[in-house]
C-alpha atoms as a PDB file:
ATOM      1  CA  MET A   1      -0.232 -13.310  33.788  1.00  0.00           C
ATOM      2  CA  ALA A   2       2.488 -14.136  36.344  1.00  0.00           C
ATOM      3  CA  ARG A   3       0.421 -12.671  39.222  1.00  0.00           C
ATOM      4  CA  THR A   4      -2.576 -14.781  38.283  1.00  0.00           C
ATOM      5  CA  MET A   5      -0.423 -17.880  38.129  1.00  0.00           C
ATOM      6  CA  PHE A   6       1.158 -17.017  41.468  1.00  0.00           C
ATOM      7  CA  ARG A   7      -2.249 -16.593  43.157  1.00  0.00           C
ATOM      8  CA  LEU A   8      -3.378 -19.967  41.819  1.00  0.00           C
ATOM      9  CA  ILE A   9      -0.381 -21.752  43.279  1.00  0.00           C
ATOM     10  CA  SER A  10      -0.079 -19.871  46.600  1.00  0.00           C
ATOM     11  CA  ASN A  11      -2.245 -22.429  48.440  1.00  0.00           C
ATOM     12  CA  GLU A  12      -0.078 -25.354  47.342  1.00  0.00           C
ATOM     13  CA  HIS A  13       2.655 -27.222  49.204  1.00  0.00           C
ATOM     14  CA  PRO A  14       5.833 -25.048  49.266  1.00  0.00           C
ATOM     15  CA  MET A  15       7.896 -27.548  47.264  1.00  0.00           C
ATOM     16  CA  ARG A  16       5.211 -27.841  44.577  1.00  0.00           C
ATOM     17  CA  ARG A  17       4.847 -24.079  44.556  1.00  0.00           C
ATOM     18  CA  ALA A  18       8.601 -23.662  44.018  1.00  0.00           C
ATOM     19  CA  ILE A  19       8.601 -26.127  41.122  1.00  0.00           C
ATOM     20  CA  ARG A  20       5.602 -24.486  39.439  1.00  0.00           C
ATOM     21  CA  THR A  21       7.050 -21.002  39.969  1.00  0.00           C
ATOM     22  CA  ALA A  22      10.313 -22.132  38.398  1.00  0.00           C
ATOM     23  CA  ALA A  23       8.360 -23.603  35.482  1.00  0.00           C
ATOM     24  CA  VAL A  24       6.404 -20.370  34.962  1.00  0.00           C
ATOM     25  CA  VAL A  25       9.585 -18.294  35.120  1.00  0.00           C
ATOM     26  CA  SER A  26      11.252 -20.668  32.631  1.00  0.00           C
ATOM     27  CA  ILE A  27       8.322 -20.363  30.233  1.00  0.00           C
ATOM     28  CA  LEU A  28       8.318 -16.566  30.474  1.00  0.00           C
ATOM     29  CA  CYS A  29      12.092 -16.415  29.940  1.00  0.00           C
ATOM     30  CA  ALA A  30      11.945 -18.772  26.975  1.00  0.00           C
ATOM     31  CA  SER A  31       9.154 -16.715  25.460  1.00  0.00           C
ATOM     32  CA  ALA A  32      11.110 -13.485  25.951  1.00  0.00           C
ATOM     33  CA  LEU A  33      14.262 -15.009  24.464  1.00  0.00           C
ATOM     34  CA  GLY A  34      12.303 -16.296  21.491  1.00  0.00           C
ATOM     35  CA  GLU A  35      10.796 -12.862  20.927  1.00  0.00           C
ATOM     36  CA  MET A  36      14.235 -11.221  21.146  1.00  0.00           C
ATOM     37  CA  ALA A  37      15.729 -13.740  18.713  1.00  0.00           C
ATOM     38  CA  PHE A  38      12.883 -13.027  16.262  1.00  0.00           C
ATOM     39  CA  HIS A  39      13.566  -9.276  16.380  1.00  0.00           C
ATOM     40  CA  VAL A  40      17.317  -9.762  15.975  1.00  0.00           C
ATOM     41  CA  ARG A  41      16.762 -11.940  12.884  1.00  0.00           C
ATOM     42  CA  ALA A  42      14.259  -9.462  11.464  1.00  0.00           C
ATOM     43  CA  GLN A  43      16.755  -6.605  11.815  1.00  0.00           C
ATOM     44  CA  GLN A  44      19.605  -8.446  10.101  1.00  0.00           C
ATOM     45  CA  PRO A  45      20.052  -7.679   6.404  1.00  0.00           C
ATOM     46  CA  ALA A  46      18.943 -10.445   4.084  1.00  0.00           C
ATOM     47  CA  ASP A  47      21.640 -12.542   2.457  1.00  0.00           C
ATOM     48  CA  ASP A  48      21.428 -11.239  -1.107  1.00  0.00           C
ATOM     49  CA  SER A  49      23.984 -13.689  -2.440  1.00  0.00           C
ATOM     50  CA  SER A  50      21.419 -16.473  -2.864  1.00  0.00           C
ATOM     51  CA  LYS A  51      18.295 -14.423  -3.619  1.00  0.00           C
ATOM     52  CA  HIS A  52      17.378 -12.753  -6.869  1.00  0.00           C
ATOM     53  CA  SER A  53      15.402  -9.600  -7.235  1.00  0.00           C
ATOM     54  CA  TYR A  54      13.217  -9.059 -10.272  1.00  0.00           C
ATOM     55  CA  SER A  55      11.287  -6.044 -11.309  1.00  0.00           C
ATOM     56  CA  ARG A  56       8.646  -4.858 -13.700  1.00  0.00           C
ATOM     57  CA  ALA A  57       9.773  -4.830 -17.328  1.00  0.00           C
ATOM     58  CA  ASN A  58       6.894  -2.657 -18.579  1.00  0.00           C
ATOM     59  CA  LYS A  59       6.549   0.990 -17.533  1.00  0.00           C
ATOM     60  CA  LYS A  60       2.750   1.136 -17.968  1.00  0.00           C
ATOM     61  CA  THR A  61      -0.127  -1.307 -18.032  1.00  0.00           C
ATOM     62  CA  ILE A  62      -0.208  -3.097 -21.363  1.00  0.00           C
ATOM     63  CA  GLU A  63      -3.634  -3.125 -22.924  1.00  0.00           C
ATOM     64  CA  ALA A  64      -3.761  -6.548 -24.489  1.00  0.00           C
ATOM     65  CA  TYR A  65      -6.109  -9.373 -25.360  1.00  0.00           C
ATOM     66  CA  VAL A  66      -6.229 -13.015 -24.409  1.00  0.00           C
ATOM     67  CA  VAL A  67      -7.501 -15.701 -26.715  1.00  0.00           C
ATOM     68  CA  LEU A  68      -8.697 -18.864 -25.043  1.00  0.00           C
ATOM     69  CA  LEU A  69      -8.315 -21.796 -27.427  1.00  0.00           C
ATOM     70  CA  ARG A  70     -10.265 -25.001 -26.953  1.00  0.00           C
ATOM     71  CA  LEU A  71      -9.456 -28.066 -29.044  1.00  0.00           C
ATOM     72  CA  ARG A  72     -12.306 -29.399 -31.148  1.00  0.00           C
ATOM     73  CA  GLN A  73     -14.240 -31.929 -29.035  1.00  0.00           C
ATOM     74  CA  ASP A  74     -13.919 -34.938 -31.346  1.00  0.00           C
ATOM     75  CA  LEU A  75     -10.122 -34.535 -31.527  1.00  0.00           C
ATOM     76  CA  PHE A  76      -9.894 -34.059 -27.789  1.00  0.00           C
ATOM     77  CA  LEU A  77     -11.966 -37.182 -27.036  1.00  0.00           C
ATOM     78  CA  LYS A  78      -9.993 -39.377 -29.478  1.00  0.00           C
ATOM     79  CA  TRP A  79      -6.759 -38.122 -27.958  1.00  0.00           C
ATOM     80  CA  LYS A  80      -7.919 -38.795 -24.381  1.00  0.00           C
ATOM     81  CA  GLU A  81      -9.423 -42.221 -25.173  1.00  0.00           C
ATOM     82  CA  THR A  82      -6.337 -43.594 -26.899  1.00  0.00           C
ATOM     83  CA  GLY A  83      -3.559 -41.522 -25.370  1.00  0.00           C
ATOM     84  CA  LYS A  84      -2.331 -40.858 -28.911  1.00  0.00           C
ATOM     85  CA  TRP A  85      -2.798 -37.799 -31.046  1.00  0.00           C
ATOM     86  CA  PRO A  86      -5.462 -38.498 -33.733  1.00  0.00           C
ATOM     87  CA  ASP A  87      -4.231 -39.021 -37.271  1.00  0.00           C
ATOM     88  CA  ASP A  88      -6.253 -36.191 -38.793  1.00  0.00           C
ATOM     89  CA  LYS A  89      -4.335 -34.762 -41.749  1.00  0.00           C
ATOM     90  CA  GLU A  90      -6.331 -31.528 -42.014  1.00  0.00           C
ATOM     91  CA  ALA A  91      -6.135 -30.845 -38.268  1.00  0.00           C
ATOM     92  CA  ASN A  92      -2.396 -31.540 -38.200  1.00  0.00           C
ATOM     93  CA  THR A  93      -1.802 -29.210 -41.155  1.00  0.00           C
ATOM     94  CA  ALA A  94      -3.858 -26.489 -39.446  1.00  0.00           C
ATOM     95  CA  LEU A  95      -1.933 -26.954 -36.173  1.00  0.00           C
ATOM     96  CA  GLY A  96       1.364 -26.627 -38.041  1.00  0.00           C
ATOM     97  CA  GLY A  97       0.065 -23.382 -39.520  1.00  0.00           C
ATOM     98  CA  HIS A  98      -1.093 -22.263 -36.075  1.00  0.00           C
ATOM     99  CA  SER A  99       2.427 -22.651 -34.668  1.00  0.00           C
ATOM    100  CA  LYS A 100       3.984 -20.722 -37.563  1.00  0.00           C
ATOM    101  CA  TYR A 101       1.329 -17.999 -37.380  1.00  0.00           C
ATOM    102  CA  TRP A 102       1.880 -17.288 -33.683  1.00  0.00           C
ATOM    103  CA  ALA A 103       5.669 -17.527 -34.073  1.00  0.00           C
ATOM    104  CA  GLN A 104       5.306 -14.694 -36.601  1.00  0.00           C
ATOM    105  CA  GLN A 105       3.094 -12.750 -34.169  1.00  0.00           C
ATOM    106  CA  LEU A 106       5.820 -13.171 -31.548  1.00  0.00           C
ATOM    107  CA  LYS A 107       8.512 -12.026 -33.972  1.00  0.00           C
ATOM    108  CA  SER A 108       6.496  -8.932 -34.912  1.00  0.00           C
ATOM    109  CA  GLY A 109       6.010  -8.046 -31.234  1.00  0.00           C
ATOM    110  CA  ASN A 110       2.292  -8.790 -30.942  1.00  0.00           C
ATOM    111  CA  ALA A 111       2.350 -12.062 -28.986  1.00  0.00           C
ATOM    112  CA  LEU A 112       3.424 -11.730 -25.342  1.00  0.00           C
ATOM    113  CA  LEU A 113       2.793 -15.167 -23.805  1.00  0.00           C
ATOM    114  CA  ALA A 114       1.358 -18.494 -24.918  1.00  0.00           C
ATOM    115  CA  GLY A 115       0.789 -21.898 -23.411  1.00  0.00           C
ATOM    116  CA  GLY A 116      -1.563 -24.733 -22.682  1.00  0.00           C
ATOM    117  CA  MET A 117      -3.020 -25.787 -19.374  1.00  0.00           C
ATOM    118  CA  LYS A 118      -1.415 -28.895 -17.903  1.00  0.00           C
ATOM    119  CA  GLY A 119      -3.481 -31.699 -16.481  1.00  0.00           C
ATOM    120  CA  ASP A 120      -6.634 -33.526 -17.412  1.00  0.00           C
ATOM    121  CA  TYR A 121      -9.233 -30.773 -17.377  1.00  0.00           C
ATOM    122  CA  TRP A 122     -12.564 -30.951 -19.133  1.00  0.00           C
ATOM    123  CA  ASP A 123     -12.059 -27.674 -20.956  1.00  0.00           C
ATOM    124  CA  ASN A 124      -8.569 -28.409 -22.437  1.00  0.00           C
ATOM    125  CA  VAL A 125      -7.836 -24.695 -22.756  1.00  0.00           C
ATOM    126  CA  ALA A 126      -4.733 -23.022 -24.109  1.00  0.00           C
ATOM    127  CA  MET A 127      -4.240 -19.269 -24.109  1.00  0.00           C
ATOM    128  CA  ILE A 128      -2.290 -16.616 -25.907  1.00  0.00           C
ATOM    129  CA  ILE A 129      -1.883 -13.068 -24.614  1.00  0.00           C
ATOM    130  CA  PHE A 130      -1.200 -10.571 -27.364  1.00  0.00           C
ATOM    131  CA  GLU A 131      -1.374  -6.885 -28.178  1.00  0.00           C
ATOM    132  CA  ALA A 132      -3.808  -5.355 -30.652  1.00  0.00           C
ATOM    133  CA  SER A 133      -4.958  -1.798 -31.246  1.00  0.00           C
ATOM    134  CA  SER A 134      -8.635  -2.648 -30.667  1.00  0.00           C
ATOM    135  CA  GLU A 135     -10.951  -5.538 -29.956  1.00  0.00           C
ATOM    136  CA  ALA A 136     -11.889  -5.649 -33.643  1.00  0.00           C
ATOM    137  CA  GLU A 137      -8.194  -5.943 -34.520  1.00  0.00           C
ATOM    138  CA  ALA A 138      -7.776  -8.682 -31.889  1.00  0.00           C
ATOM    139  CA  GLN A 139     -10.710 -10.601 -33.378  1.00  0.00           C
ATOM    140  CA  ARG A 140      -9.173 -10.267 -36.860  1.00  0.00           C
ATOM    141  CA  ILE A 141      -5.787 -11.536 -35.650  1.00  0.00           C
ATOM    142  CA  VAL A 142      -7.386 -14.603 -34.044  1.00  0.00           C
ATOM    143  CA  LYS A 143      -9.608 -15.343 -37.060  1.00  0.00           C
ATOM    144  CA  GLU A 144      -6.459 -15.452 -39.225  1.00  0.00           C
ATOM    145  CA  ASP A 145      -5.034 -18.309 -37.120  1.00  0.00           C
ATOM    146  CA  PRO A 146      -5.057 -21.366 -39.452  1.00  0.00           C
ATOM    147  CA  ALA A 147      -6.276 -23.685 -36.664  1.00  0.00           C
ATOM    148  CA  VAL A 148      -9.184 -21.340 -35.906  1.00  0.00           C
ATOM    149  CA  LYS A 149     -10.012 -21.035 -39.618  1.00  0.00           C
ATOM    150  CA  ALA A 150     -10.053 -24.838 -39.927  1.00  0.00           C
ATOM    151  CA  TYR A 151     -12.236 -25.200 -36.792  1.00  0.00           C
ATOM    152  CA  VAL A 152      -9.540 -27.227 -35.013  1.00  0.00           C
ATOM    153  CA  PHE A 153      -9.750 -24.673 -32.214  1.00  0.00           C
ATOM    154  CA  GLN A 154     -12.715 -22.801 -30.849  1.00  0.00           C
ATOM    155  CA  ALA A 155     -11.491 -19.334 -29.928  1.00  0.00           C
ATOM    156  CA  GLN A 156     -12.747 -16.751 -27.479  1.00  0.00           C
ATOM    157  CA  VAL A 157     -11.128 -13.303 -27.371  1.00  0.00           C
ATOM    158  CA  ARG A 158     -11.273 -11.153 -24.251  1.00  0.00           C
ATOM    159  CA  PRO A 159      -9.677  -7.833 -23.235  1.00  0.00           C
ATOM    160  CA  PHE A 160      -6.758  -8.389 -20.859  1.00  0.00           C
ATOM    161  CA  ASP A 161      -4.791  -5.712 -18.990  1.00  0.00           C
ATOM    162  CA  VAL A 162      -1.232  -6.817 -18.283  1.00  0.00           C
ATOM    163  CA  SER A 163      -0.339  -5.099 -15.005  1.00  0.00           C
ATOM    164  CA  PHE A 164       3.283  -6.165 -15.152  1.00  0.00           C
ATOM    165  CA  VAL A 165       5.698  -8.375 -17.003  1.00  0.00           C
ATOM    166  CA  SER A 166       8.644  -9.629 -14.956  1.00  0.00           C
ATOM    167  CA  ASP A 167      12.124  -8.935 -16.229  1.00  0.00           C
ATOM    168  CA  LYS A 168      13.190 -12.374 -14.968  1.00  0.00           C
ATOM    169  CA  TYR A 169      13.795 -13.747 -18.450  1.00  0.00           C
ATOM    170  CA  SER A 170      15.232 -10.614 -20.035  1.00  0.00           C
ATOM    171  CA  SER A 171      18.708 -10.920 -21.532  1.00  0.00           C
ATOM    172  CA  GLY A 172      20.454  -9.051 -18.689  1.00  0.00           C
ATOM    173  CA  LYS A 173      19.353 -11.411 -15.877  1.00  0.00           C
END
């Protein structure tokens, strides 16, 4: 690259040539220094005092299921139109039962993770990842959910392989 640059400027006025040559040399030196600084930083050990390291809590893949829960459309639309939760006694009773049911599944070791999607999405989906011995067992567990029984939630069960669970929230961290 330097030879090509030098050939291009060899027909110029000597003073201009000197300035351009100095500029090219400066650029090459700056580039080399930058490259060296990058390698020096890359070889330095990371400062572990401010970084945390987490690992896999499960030894093997966990064969689980995910249930996708969608709120009944009329409840969802009333909620979105008014910004207030609808005063539907049966739905509220079923939702209370839903919370207790999955708290029991968590306590017994079946439920692994649960939550609802944030934001204003058309599908208003929540999901629960849980363990079951078979798809038939997973379907039975979901059908026993009081909010599913009362048709407050539409539920769809799918197989879900959990590749890893972080130990970030385990008691020792």
